[in-house]
């Protein structure tokens, strides 16, 4: 019998956390309905050994896939390739799922045939244990047109489950680097016609880890990867816009989300140590966006920081940079 859900777990040196992740699936309401595909991305610690033990104990649920280190995006590609479930979602190896609500969520996945299913997530502070639920800003609904809600919908990666065949039939493939969550969210959107919004809180997202890719030091260190993802998403948007089959509301959803990523890229430049080099990079980014799509550029340039820079021919870059560095220093 086909599994209801394939879960792709990205695992790299997560021996401290992977047991909590895998344990969250060990429940009678979950075990037989999910396949958990753990891709060990060349870990140097005991991650592979730990996952292997779960695979031996629960062979119908857990599967270890080992590969040489190739980056987080490659683990999702591996998951998509091997997935056999009706639906597919990602979970990072240092996060976990809400066991208590997962059974009810799987019930919804059995009933719906929507291309995308959204559920809520909860941020859990690694240091304090404090929890903050992040709710989807659309009321629960079943199999509605995506275009009817996408102008209201804000969906981070943690909230999104896709029908597996949407990913496989359309050859959804992520870059082998960090920051590919946005690619996972946005690349399938042109193929999404229907959506279900579930009321459950499913993804438990661990925050305040110094090793996370969204940590400011990691952002600076991996700036080129973030640039790469932004460029590829801009290419994908331009291709959709010029496809002859684009829908205005879907295009607006893509623009809005890519503009947020461009805003993060600008933040990386504004907080960089080498201000002169960062200024030139920021200038090049805006030129790149404009060359890809005038409508995408207009969306990005509607943000205050971008507008101040472009209207001043980037003369205000040092002023904005100083302000953003103070903001970053104050947390």
C-alpha atoms as a PDB file:
ATOM      1  CA  UNK A   1       0.000   0.000   0.000  1.00  0.00           C
ATOM      2  CA  UNK A   2       1.297   3.459  -0.908  1.00  0.00           C
ATOM      3  CA  UNK A   3       2.517   5.606   1.963  1.00  0.00           C
ATOM      4  CA  UNK A   4       0.581   8.798   2.576  1.00  0.00           C
ATOM      5  CA  UNK A   5       3.659  10.959   3.111  1.00  0.00           C
ATOM      6  CA  UNK A   6       7.335  10.852   2.204  1.00  0.00           C
ATOM      7  CA  UNK A   7       9.486  12.948   4.536  1.00  0.00           C
ATOM      8  CA  UNK A   8      12.928  13.997   3.316  1.00  0.00           C
ATOM      9  CA  UNK A   9      15.257  14.561   6.268  1.00  0.00           C
ATOM     10  CA  UNK A  10      18.468  16.475   5.585  1.00  0.00           C
ATOM     11  CA  UNK A  11      21.144  15.176   7.950  1.00  0.00           C
ATOM     12  CA  UNK A  12      24.662  16.561   8.308  1.00  0.00           C
ATOM     13  CA  UNK A  13      26.480  16.163  11.626  1.00  0.00           C
ATOM     14  CA  UNK A  14      23.239  16.144  13.607  1.00  0.00           C
ATOM     15  CA  UNK A  15      24.023  13.328  16.059  1.00  0.00           C
ATOM     16  CA  UNK A  16      22.817  15.565  18.918  1.00  0.00           C
ATOM     17  CA  UNK A  17      19.388  16.082  17.375  1.00  0.00           C
ATOM     18  CA  UNK A  18      18.541  13.288  14.936  1.00  0.00           C
ATOM     19  CA  UNK A  19      17.039  10.961  17.563  1.00  0.00           C
ATOM     20  CA  UNK A  20      14.510  13.601  18.587  1.00  0.00           C
ATOM     21  CA  UNK A  21      13.657  14.070  14.918  1.00  0.00           C
ATOM     22  CA  UNK A  22      13.157  10.367  14.210  1.00  0.00           C
ATOM     23  CA  UNK A  23      11.427   9.643  17.530  1.00  0.00           C
ATOM     24  CA  UNK A  24       8.750  12.181  16.616  1.00  0.00           C
ATOM     25  CA  UNK A  25       7.512   9.767  13.910  1.00  0.00           C
ATOM     26  CA  UNK A  26       7.297   6.746  16.216  1.00  0.00           C
ATOM     27  CA  UNK A  27       3.602   6.617  16.971  1.00  0.00           C
ATOM     28  CA  UNK A  28       0.921   4.076  15.964  1.00  0.00           C
ATOM     29  CA  UNK A  29      -1.008   6.790  14.101  1.00  0.00           C
ATOM     30  CA  UNK A  30       2.074   7.680  12.040  1.00  0.00           C
ATOM     31  CA  UNK A  31       4.507   4.784  11.542  1.00  0.00           C
ATOM     32  CA  UNK A  32       2.688   2.796   8.861  1.00  0.00           C
ATOM     33  CA  UNK A  33       1.617   5.861   6.883  1.00  0.00           C
ATOM     34  CA  UNK A  34       4.950   7.626   6.363  1.00  0.00           C
ATOM     35  CA  UNK A  35       8.336   6.881   4.864  1.00  0.00           C
ATOM     36  CA  UNK A  36      11.171   8.891   6.375  1.00  0.00           C
ATOM     37  CA  UNK A  37      14.049   9.230   3.906  1.00  0.00           C
ATOM     38  CA  UNK A  38      17.133  10.383   5.803  1.00  0.00           C
ATOM     39  CA  UNK A  39      19.891  11.556   3.482  1.00  0.00           C
ATOM     40  CA  UNK A  40      23.184  11.642   5.365  1.00  0.00           C
ATOM     41  CA  UNK A  41      25.159  14.335   3.552  1.00  0.00           C
ATOM     42  CA  UNK A  42      28.644  13.018   4.362  1.00  0.00           C
ATOM     43  CA  UNK A  43      28.442  13.459   8.137  1.00  0.00           C
ATOM     44  CA  UNK A  44      31.644  13.115  10.132  1.00  0.00           C
ATOM     45  CA  UNK A  45      29.877  12.199  13.376  1.00  0.00           C
ATOM     46  CA  UNK A  46      27.571   9.316  14.390  1.00  0.00           C
ATOM     47  CA  UNK A  47      24.559  10.501  12.384  1.00  0.00           C
ATOM     48  CA  UNK A  48      24.663   7.575   9.940  1.00  0.00           C
ATOM     49  CA  UNK A  49      25.108   5.003  12.710  1.00  0.00           C
ATOM     50  CA  UNK A  50      22.124   6.365  14.645  1.00  0.00           C
ATOM     51  CA  UNK A  51      19.832   6.449  11.607  1.00  0.00           C
ATOM     52  CA  UNK A  52      20.894   2.938  10.614  1.00  0.00           C
ATOM     53  CA  UNK A  53      19.681   1.634  13.980  1.00  0.00           C
ATOM     54  CA  UNK A  54      16.242   3.178  13.384  1.00  0.00           C
ATOM     55  CA  UNK A  55      16.160   1.680   9.887  1.00  0.00           C
ATOM     56  CA  UNK A  56      16.826  -1.797  11.296  1.00  0.00           C
ATOM     57  CA  UNK A  57      14.188  -1.439  14.014  1.00  0.00           C
ATOM     58  CA  UNK A  58      11.512   0.143  11.786  1.00  0.00           C
ATOM     59  CA  UNK A  59      12.383  -1.003   8.236  1.00  0.00           C
ATOM     60  CA  UNK A  60       8.980  -0.054   6.859  1.00  0.00           C
ATOM     61  CA  UNK A  61       9.320   3.568   7.961  1.00  0.00           C
ATOM     62  CA  UNK A  62      12.931   4.747   8.040  1.00  0.00           C
ATOM     63  CA  UNK A  63      15.448   4.591   5.222  1.00  0.00           C
ATOM     64  CA  UNK A  64      19.062   5.775   5.304  1.00  0.00           C
ATOM     65  CA  UNK A  65      20.519   7.205   2.101  1.00  0.00           C
ATOM     66  CA  UNK A  66      24.248   7.970   2.326  1.00  0.00           C
ATOM     67  CA  UNK A  67      26.110  10.338   0.011  1.00  0.00           C
ATOM     68  CA  UNK A  68      29.263  12.419  -0.147  1.00  0.00           C
ATOM     69  CA  UNK A  69      28.817  15.954   1.146  1.00  0.00           C
ATOM     70  CA  UNK A  70      27.023  17.939  -1.552  1.00  0.00           C
ATOM     71  CA  UNK A  71      24.940  20.527   0.300  1.00  0.00           C
ATOM     72  CA  UNK A  72      21.393  20.751   1.701  1.00  0.00           C
ATOM     73  CA  UNK A  73      19.728  21.099  -1.689  1.00  0.00           C
ATOM     74  CA  UNK A  74      21.156  17.761  -2.772  1.00  0.00           C
ATOM     75  CA  UNK A  75      19.447  15.991   0.131  1.00  0.00           C
ATOM     76  CA  UNK A  76      16.060  17.263  -1.050  1.00  0.00           C
ATOM     77  CA  UNK A  77      16.853  16.149  -4.597  1.00  0.00           C
ATOM     78  CA  UNK A  78      17.663  12.720  -3.190  1.00  0.00           C
ATOM     79  CA  UNK A  79      14.406  12.676  -1.241  1.00  0.00           C
ATOM     80  CA  UNK A  80      12.337  13.615  -4.287  1.00  0.00           C
ATOM     81  CA  UNK A  81      14.070  10.942  -6.353  1.00  0.00           C
ATOM     82  CA  UNK A  82      13.382   8.148  -3.859  1.00  0.00           C
ATOM     83  CA  UNK A  83       9.948   9.274  -2.614  1.00  0.00           C
ATOM     84  CA  UNK A  84       7.047   6.870  -3.106  1.00  0.00           C
ATOM     85  CA  UNK A  85       4.431   8.558  -0.905  1.00  0.00           C
ATOM     86  CA  UNK A  86       1.369  10.436  -2.150  1.00  0.00           C
ATOM     87  CA  UNK A  87       2.747  13.640  -0.595  1.00  0.00           C
ATOM     88  CA  UNK A  88       6.237  14.965   0.105  1.00  0.00           C
ATOM     89  CA  UNK A  89       7.702  17.353   2.638  1.00  0.00           C
ATOM     90  CA  UNK A  90      11.066  18.360   4.102  1.00  0.00           C
ATOM     91  CA  UNK A  91      12.275  18.244   7.704  1.00  0.00           C
ATOM     92  CA  UNK A  92      15.770  19.288   8.744  1.00  0.00           C
ATOM     93  CA  UNK A  93      17.670  16.783  10.870  1.00  0.00           C
ATOM     94  CA  UNK A  94      17.859  19.169  13.826  1.00  0.00           C
ATOM     95  CA  UNK A  95      14.088  19.793  13.768  1.00  0.00           C
ATOM     96  CA  UNK A  96      11.164  17.427  14.375  1.00  0.00           C
ATOM     97  CA  UNK A  97       7.421  17.024  13.857  1.00  0.00           C
ATOM     98  CA  UNK A  98       4.541  17.472  16.270  1.00  0.00           C
ATOM     99  CA  UNK A  99       3.695  13.848  17.039  1.00  0.00           C
ATOM    100  CA  UNK A 100       0.394  14.703  18.737  1.00  0.00           C
ATOM    101  CA  UNK A 101      -1.045  16.393  15.637  1.00  0.00           C
ATOM    102  CA  UNK A 102       0.651  14.383  12.894  1.00  0.00           C
ATOM    103  CA  UNK A 103      -2.006  11.657  12.786  1.00  0.00           C
ATOM    104  CA  UNK A 104      -4.794  14.161  12.101  1.00  0.00           C
ATOM    105  CA  UNK A 105      -2.631  15.808   9.437  1.00  0.00           C
ATOM    106  CA  UNK A 106      -2.110  12.458   7.714  1.00  0.00           C
ATOM    107  CA  UNK A 107      -5.893  11.948   7.775  1.00  0.00           C
ATOM    108  CA  UNK A 108      -6.235  15.170   5.780  1.00  0.00           C
ATOM    109  CA  UNK A 109      -3.539  14.073   3.327  1.00  0.00           C
ATOM    110  CA  UNK A 110      -5.491  10.857   2.741  1.00  0.00           C
ATOM    111  CA  UNK A 111      -8.676  12.790   1.941  1.00  0.00           C
ATOM    112  CA  UNK A 112      -7.306  15.654  -0.150  1.00  0.00           C
ATOM    113  CA  UNK A 113      -5.839  15.599  -3.617  1.00  0.00           C
ATOM    114  CA  UNK A 114      -4.595  19.196  -3.591  1.00  0.00           C
ATOM    115  CA  UNK A 115      -1.284  20.001  -5.248  1.00  0.00           C
ATOM    116  CA  UNK A 116      -0.098  21.851  -2.123  1.00  0.00           C
ATOM    117  CA  UNK A 117      -1.043  21.359   1.518  1.00  0.00           C
ATOM    118  CA  UNK A 118      -0.155  24.004   4.107  1.00  0.00           C
ATOM    119  CA  UNK A 119       0.014  23.508   7.865  1.00  0.00           C
ATOM    120  CA  UNK A 120       1.386  25.625  10.695  1.00  0.00           C
ATOM    121  CA  UNK A 121       4.811  25.443  12.336  1.00  0.00           C
ATOM    122  CA  UNK A 122       6.173  26.249  15.773  1.00  0.00           C
ATOM    123  CA  UNK A 123       9.498  27.932  16.541  1.00  0.00           C
ATOM    124  CA  UNK A 124      11.244  26.394  19.551  1.00  0.00           C
ATOM    125  CA  UNK A 125      14.152  28.272  21.105  1.00  0.00           C
ATOM    126  CA  UNK A 126      17.044  25.848  21.542  1.00  0.00           C
ATOM    127  CA  UNK A 127      18.378  27.735  24.568  1.00  0.00           C
ATOM    128  CA  UNK A 128      15.177  28.482  26.506  1.00  0.00           C
ATOM    129  CA  UNK A 129      12.646  25.995  25.145  1.00  0.00           C
ATOM    130  CA  UNK A 130      10.227  28.867  24.555  1.00  0.00           C
ATOM    131  CA  UNK A 131       7.674  28.137  21.828  1.00  0.00           C
ATOM    132  CA  UNK A 132       6.015  30.466  19.351  1.00  0.00           C
ATOM    133  CA  UNK A 133       3.410  29.163  16.932  1.00  0.00           C
ATOM    134  CA  UNK A 134       3.471  30.627  13.429  1.00  0.00           C
ATOM    135  CA  UNK A 135       0.000  30.404  11.916  1.00  0.00           C
ATOM    136  CA  UNK A 136      -0.855  30.269   8.229  1.00  0.00           C
ATOM    137  CA  UNK A 137      -2.811  33.439   7.493  1.00  0.00           C
ATOM    138  CA  UNK A 138      -5.569  31.641   5.579  1.00  0.00           C
ATOM    139  CA  UNK A 139      -8.424  29.776   7.285  1.00  0.00           C
ATOM    140  CA  UNK A 140      -8.461  25.984   6.935  1.00  0.00           C
ATOM    141  CA  UNK A 141      -9.940  24.889   3.612  1.00  0.00           C
ATOM    142  CA  UNK A 142      -9.953  21.824   1.383  1.00  0.00           C
ATOM    143  CA  UNK A 143      -9.044  21.603  -2.308  1.00  0.00           C
ATOM    144  CA  UNK A 144      -9.605  25.254  -3.221  1.00  0.00           C
ATOM    145  CA  UNK A 145      -8.045  27.002  -6.246  1.00  0.00           C
ATOM    146  CA  UNK A 146      -4.569  28.239  -5.326  1.00  0.00           C
ATOM    147  CA  UNK A 147      -5.264  31.503  -7.164  1.00  0.00           C
ATOM    148  CA  UNK A 148      -8.182  32.192  -4.791  1.00  0.00           C
ATOM    149  CA  UNK A 149      -5.956  32.389  -1.694  1.00  0.00           C
ATOM    150  CA  UNK A 150      -2.393  32.995  -2.894  1.00  0.00           C
ATOM    151  CA  UNK A 151      -2.628  36.779  -2.529  1.00  0.00           C
ATOM    152  CA  UNK A 152      -3.162  36.268   1.233  1.00  0.00           C
ATOM    153  CA  UNK A 153      -0.948  33.232   1.714  1.00  0.00           C
ATOM    154  CA  UNK A 154       2.419  33.490   3.458  1.00  0.00           C
ATOM    155  CA  UNK A 155       4.094  30.096   3.439  1.00  0.00           C
ATOM    156  CA  UNK A 156       7.625  29.378   4.656  1.00  0.00           C
ATOM    157  CA  UNK A 157       9.165  26.022   3.764  1.00  0.00           C
ATOM    158  CA  UNK A 158       8.190  24.593   7.158  1.00  0.00           C
ATOM    159  CA  UNK A 159       4.497  24.901   6.291  1.00  0.00           C
ATOM    160  CA  UNK A 160       4.525  23.309   2.846  1.00  0.00           C
ATOM    161  CA  UNK A 161       3.745  19.795   1.678  1.00  0.00           C
ATOM    162  CA  UNK A 162       3.540  19.057  -2.059  1.00  0.00           C
ATOM    163  CA  UNK A 163       1.936  16.208  -3.924  1.00  0.00           C
ATOM    164  CA  UNK A 164       4.906  14.057  -4.862  1.00  0.00           C
ATOM    165  CA  UNK A 165       4.012  13.755  -8.531  1.00  0.00           C
ATOM    166  CA  UNK A 166       4.057  17.555  -8.878  1.00  0.00           C
ATOM    167  CA  UNK A 167       7.741  17.460  -7.941  1.00  0.00           C
ATOM    168  CA  UNK A 168       8.703  14.341  -9.859  1.00  0.00           C
ATOM    169  CA  UNK A 169       6.812  14.934 -13.114  1.00  0.00           C
ATOM    170  CA  UNK A 170       8.052  18.511 -13.395  1.00  0.00           C
ATOM    171  CA  UNK A 171      11.677  17.638 -12.582  1.00  0.00           C
ATOM    172  CA  UNK A 172      11.917  19.973  -9.586  1.00  0.00           C
ATOM    173  CA  UNK A 173      15.633  20.154  -8.803  1.00  0.00           C
ATOM    174  CA  UNK A 174      17.346  22.345  -6.210  1.00  0.00           C
ATOM    175  CA  UNK A 175      20.854  23.782  -6.199  1.00  0.00           C
ATOM    176  CA  UNK A 176      23.426  21.870  -4.142  1.00  0.00           C
ATOM    177  CA  UNK A 177      23.903  24.636  -1.598  1.00  0.00           C
ATOM    178  CA  UNK A 178      22.312  26.456   1.335  1.00  0.00           C
ATOM    179  CA  UNK A 179      19.182  28.652   1.026  1.00  0.00           C
ATOM    180  CA  UNK A 180      17.379  26.230  -1.271  1.00  0.00           C
ATOM    181  CA  UNK A 181      14.282  26.281   0.979  1.00  0.00           C
ATOM    182  CA  UNK A 182      13.072  29.110  -1.245  1.00  0.00           C
ATOM    183  CA  UNK A 183      13.618  27.000  -4.353  1.00  0.00           C
ATOM    184  CA  UNK A 184      11.643  24.138  -2.789  1.00  0.00           C
ATOM    185  CA  UNK A 185       8.808  26.546  -2.046  1.00  0.00           C
ATOM    186  CA  UNK A 186       8.737  28.463  -5.336  1.00  0.00           C
ATOM    187  CA  UNK A 187       9.860  26.177  -8.180  1.00  0.00           C
ATOM    188  CA  UNK A 188       6.679  24.039  -8.017  1.00  0.00           C
ATOM    189  CA  UNK A 189       4.288  27.025  -7.796  1.00  0.00           C
ATOM    190  CA  UNK A 190       3.628  27.353 -11.572  1.00  0.00           C
ATOM    191  CA  UNK A 191       2.258  23.788 -11.463  1.00  0.00           C
ATOM    192  CA  UNK A 192       0.100  24.257  -8.358  1.00  0.00           C
ATOM    193  CA  UNK A 193      -3.600  24.592  -9.162  1.00  0.00           C
ATOM    194  CA  UNK A 194      -5.196  23.617  -5.850  1.00  0.00           C
ATOM    195  CA  UNK A 195      -4.351  23.983  -2.176  1.00  0.00           C
ATOM    196  CA  UNK A 196      -5.565  22.602   1.134  1.00  0.00           C
ATOM    197  CA  UNK A 197      -4.884  24.508   4.356  1.00  0.00           C
ATOM    198  CA  UNK A 198      -4.784  22.179   7.366  1.00  0.00           C
ATOM    199  CA  UNK A 199      -5.393  23.415  10.943  1.00  0.00           C
ATOM    200  CA  UNK A 200      -2.585  21.376  12.525  1.00  0.00           C
ATOM    201  CA  UNK A 201       0.792  22.622  13.726  1.00  0.00           C
ATOM    202  CA  UNK A 202       3.191  20.081  12.232  1.00  0.00           C
ATOM    203  CA  UNK A 203       6.765  21.360  11.953  1.00  0.00           C
ATOM    204  CA  UNK A 204       8.793  22.056  15.101  1.00  0.00           C
ATOM    205  CA  UNK A 205      11.535  24.468  14.052  1.00  0.00           C
ATOM    206  CA  UNK A 206      14.570  24.737  16.321  1.00  0.00           C
ATOM    207  CA  UNK A 207      15.900  28.307  16.484  1.00  0.00           C
ATOM    208  CA  UNK A 208      18.865  30.041  18.165  1.00  0.00           C
ATOM    209  CA  UNK A 209      21.419  27.540  16.871  1.00  0.00           C
ATOM    210  CA  UNK A 210      24.760  29.149  16.007  1.00  0.00           C
ATOM    211  CA  UNK A 211      25.215  26.657  13.155  1.00  0.00           C
ATOM    212  CA  UNK A 212      22.055  27.651  11.283  1.00  0.00           C
ATOM    213  CA  UNK A 213      22.434  29.010   7.747  1.00  0.00           C
ATOM    214  CA  UNK A 214      20.271  32.062   8.565  1.00  0.00           C
ATOM    215  CA  UNK A 215      22.672  33.095  11.342  1.00  0.00           C
ATOM    216  CA  UNK A 216      24.230  36.425  10.278  1.00  0.00           C
ATOM    217  CA  UNK A 217      27.777  35.029  10.276  1.00  0.00           C
ATOM    218  CA  UNK A 218      26.638  32.152   8.069  1.00  0.00           C
ATOM    219  CA  UNK A 219      24.843  34.577   5.763  1.00  0.00           C
ATOM    220  CA  UNK A 220      28.043  36.566   5.268  1.00  0.00           C
ATOM    221  CA  UNK A 221      30.154  33.452   4.815  1.00  0.00           C
ATOM    222  CA  UNK A 222      27.746  31.939   2.294  1.00  0.00           C
ATOM    223  CA  UNK A 223      26.796  35.130   0.476  1.00  0.00           C
ATOM    224  CA  UNK A 224      27.654  33.640  -2.936  1.00  0.00           C
ATOM    225  CA  UNK A 225      25.224  30.761  -2.369  1.00  0.00           C
ATOM    226  CA  UNK A 226      22.419  33.181  -1.500  1.00  0.00           C
ATOM    227  CA  UNK A 227      23.239  35.167  -4.657  1.00  0.00           C
ATOM    228  CA  UNK A 228      23.094  31.974  -6.713  1.00  0.00           C
ATOM    229  CA  UNK A 229      19.656  31.031  -5.403  1.00  0.00           C
ATOM    230  CA  UNK A 230      18.306  34.554  -5.995  1.00  0.00           C
ATOM    231  CA  UNK A 231      19.615  34.504  -9.562  1.00  0.00           C
ATOM    232  CA  UNK A 232      18.075  31.111 -10.323  1.00  0.00           C
ATOM    233  CA  UNK A 233      14.729  32.079  -8.807  1.00  0.00           C
ATOM    234  CA  UNK A 234      14.752  35.245 -10.914  1.00  0.00           C
ATOM    235  CA  UNK A 235      15.407  33.117 -13.996  1.00  0.00           C
ATOM    236  CA  UNK A 236      12.514  30.838 -13.071  1.00  0.00           C
ATOM    237  CA  UNK A 237      10.206  33.822 -12.596  1.00  0.00           C
ATOM    238  CA  UNK A 238      11.186  35.317 -15.952  1.00  0.00           C
ATOM    239  CA  UNK A 239      10.541  31.957 -17.638  1.00  0.00           C
ATOM    240  CA  UNK A 240       7.086  31.760 -16.048  1.00  0.00           C
ATOM    241  CA  UNK A 241       6.256  35.362 -16.906  1.00  0.00           C
ATOM    242  CA  UNK A 242       7.178  34.772 -20.551  1.00  0.00           C
ATOM    243  CA  UNK A 243       5.601  31.319 -20.817  1.00  0.00           C
ATOM    244  CA  UNK A 244       2.327  32.525 -22.286  1.00  0.00           C
ATOM    245  CA  UNK A 245       0.431  30.595 -19.596  1.00  0.00           C
ATOM    246  CA  UNK A 246       1.209  32.761 -16.560  1.00  0.00           C
ATOM    247  CA  UNK A 247      -1.618  33.813 -14.253  1.00  0.00           C
ATOM    248  CA  UNK A 248      -1.475  37.320 -12.714  1.00  0.00           C
ATOM    249  CA  UNK A 249      -2.106  36.192  -9.123  1.00  0.00           C
ATOM    250  CA  UNK A 250       0.435  33.371  -9.327  1.00  0.00           C
ATOM    251  CA  UNK A 251       3.013  35.717 -10.848  1.00  0.00           C
ATOM    252  CA  UNK A 252       2.357  38.214  -8.041  1.00  0.00           C
ATOM    253  CA  UNK A 253       2.863  35.460  -5.434  1.00  0.00           C
ATOM    254  CA  UNK A 254       6.215  34.565  -6.988  1.00  0.00           C
ATOM    255  CA  UNK A 255       7.312  38.213  -7.201  1.00  0.00           C
ATOM    256  CA  UNK A 256       6.382  38.875  -3.585  1.00  0.00           C
ATOM    257  CA  UNK A 257       8.390  35.916  -2.320  1.00  0.00           C
ATOM    258  CA  UNK A 258      11.421  36.546  -4.534  1.00  0.00           C
ATOM    259  CA  UNK A 259      11.389  40.190  -3.410  1.00  0.00           C
ATOM    260  CA  UNK A 260      11.732  38.991   0.199  1.00  0.00           C
ATOM    261  CA  UNK A 261      14.794  36.973  -0.783  1.00  0.00           C
ATOM    262  CA  UNK A 262      16.236  39.992  -2.595  1.00  0.00           C
ATOM    263  CA  UNK A 263      15.652  41.990   0.585  1.00  0.00           C
ATOM    264  CA  UNK A 264      17.674  39.443   2.551  1.00  0.00           C
ATOM    265  CA  UNK A 265      20.425  39.617  -0.062  1.00  0.00           C
ATOM    266  CA  UNK A 266      20.533  43.387   0.336  1.00  0.00           C
ATOM    267  CA  UNK A 267      20.755  42.947   4.112  1.00  0.00           C
ATOM    268  CA  UNK A 268      23.784  40.681   3.594  1.00  0.00           C
ATOM    269  CA  UNK A 269      25.457  43.393   1.509  1.00  0.00           C
ATOM    270  CA  UNK A 270      24.569  46.184   3.921  1.00  0.00           C
ATOM    271  CA  UNK A 271      26.085  44.323   6.883  1.00  0.00           C
ATOM    272  CA  UNK A 272      29.239  43.174   5.071  1.00  0.00           C
ATOM    273  CA  UNK A 273      32.646  44.305   6.341  1.00  0.00           C
ATOM    274  CA  UNK A 274      33.923  45.392   2.931  1.00  0.00           C
ATOM    275  CA  UNK A 275      31.467  48.192   2.215  1.00  0.00           C
ATOM    276  CA  UNK A 276      32.973  49.189  -1.123  1.00  0.00           C
ATOM    277  CA  UNK A 277      32.800  45.680  -2.527  1.00  0.00           C
ATOM    278  CA  UNK A 278      29.318  45.148  -1.087  1.00  0.00           C
ATOM    279  CA  UNK A 279      28.047  48.371  -2.655  1.00  0.00           C
ATOM    280  CA  UNK A 280      29.161  47.215  -6.088  1.00  0.00           C
ATOM    281  CA  UNK A 281      27.567  43.812  -5.506  1.00  0.00           C
ATOM    282  CA  UNK A 282      24.276  45.431  -4.468  1.00  0.00           C
ATOM    283  CA  UNK A 283      24.348  47.573  -7.586  1.00  0.00           C
ATOM    284  CA  UNK A 284      25.003  44.503  -9.729  1.00  0.00           C
ATOM    285  CA  UNK A 285      22.106  42.685  -8.056  1.00  0.00           C
ATOM    286  CA  UNK A 286      19.606  45.406  -8.932  1.00  0.00           C
ATOM    287  CA  UNK A 287      20.885  45.462 -12.513  1.00  0.00           C
ATOM    288  CA  UNK A 288      20.547  41.683 -12.691  1.00  0.00           C
ATOM    289  CA  UNK A 289      16.957  41.797 -11.445  1.00  0.00           C
ATOM    290  CA  UNK A 290      16.036  44.543 -13.893  1.00  0.00           C
ATOM    291  CA  UNK A 291      17.541  42.587 -16.785  1.00  0.00           C
ATOM    292  CA  UNK A 292      15.524  39.480 -15.859  1.00  0.00           C
ATOM    293  CA  UNK A 293      12.126  41.131 -15.466  1.00  0.00           C
ATOM    294  CA  UNK A 294      10.876  44.702 -15.203  1.00  0.00           C
ATOM    295  CA  UNK A 295       7.904  43.601 -13.097  1.00  0.00           C
ATOM    296  CA  UNK A 296      10.098  41.666 -10.669  1.00  0.00           C
ATOM    297  CA  UNK A 297      12.450  44.631 -10.417  1.00  0.00           C
ATOM    298  CA  UNK A 298       9.512  46.951  -9.704  1.00  0.00           C
ATOM    299  CA  UNK A 299       8.352  44.667  -6.874  1.00  0.00           C
ATOM    300  CA  UNK A 300      11.833  44.548  -5.351  1.00  0.00           C
ATOM    301  CA  UNK A 301      12.358  48.280  -5.787  1.00  0.00           C
ATOM    302  CA  UNK A 302       9.112  49.088  -3.971  1.00  0.00           C
ATOM    303  CA  UNK A 303      10.865  48.272  -0.687  1.00  0.00           C
ATOM    304  CA  UNK A 304      12.121  51.371   1.116  1.00  0.00           C
ATOM    305  CA  UNK A 305      15.795  50.364   1.317  1.00  0.00           C
ATOM    306  CA  UNK A 306      15.993  49.492  -2.369  1.00  0.00           C
ATOM    307  CA  UNK A 307      14.196  52.676  -3.388  1.00  0.00           C
ATOM    308  CA  UNK A 308      16.559  54.843  -1.320  1.00  0.00           C
ATOM    309  CA  UNK A 309      19.572  53.186  -2.916  1.00  0.00           C
ATOM    310  CA  UNK A 310      18.407  53.188  -6.520  1.00  0.00           C
ATOM    311  CA  UNK A 311      17.049  56.738  -6.358  1.00  0.00           C
ATOM    312  CA  UNK A 312      20.389  57.977  -4.962  1.00  0.00           C
ATOM    313  CA  UNK A 313      22.491  55.914  -7.392  1.00  0.00           C
ATOM    314  CA  UNK A 314      23.690  54.048  -4.272  1.00  0.00           C
ATOM    315  CA  UNK A 315      25.213  57.169  -2.683  1.00  0.00           C
ATOM    316  CA  UNK A 316      23.188  56.367   0.453  1.00  0.00           C
ATOM    317  CA  UNK A 317      24.705  52.885   0.750  1.00  0.00           C
ATOM    318  CA  UNK A 318      27.139  53.842   3.595  1.00  0.00           C
ATOM    319  CA  UNK A 319      24.312  55.464   5.584  1.00  0.00           C
ATOM    320  CA  UNK A 320      21.999  52.484   5.221  1.00  0.00           C
ATOM    321  CA  UNK A 321      24.886  50.126   5.915  1.00  0.00           C
ATOM    322  CA  UNK A 322      25.670  51.823   9.225  1.00  0.00           C
ATOM    323  CA  UNK A 323      22.004  51.651  10.231  1.00  0.00           C
ATOM    324  CA  UNK A 324      21.677  47.955   9.361  1.00  0.00           C
ATOM    325  CA  UNK A 325      24.896  47.079  11.191  1.00  0.00           C
ATOM    326  CA  UNK A 326      23.564  48.782  14.332  1.00  0.00           C
ATOM    327  CA  UNK A 327      20.300  46.891  13.909  1.00  0.00           C
ATOM    328  CA  UNK A 328      22.142  43.580  13.514  1.00  0.00           C
ATOM    329  CA  UNK A 329      24.343  44.286  16.552  1.00  0.00           C
ATOM    330  CA  UNK A 330      21.262  44.918  18.682  1.00  0.00           C
ATOM    331  CA  UNK A 331      19.723  41.628  17.603  1.00  0.00           C
END
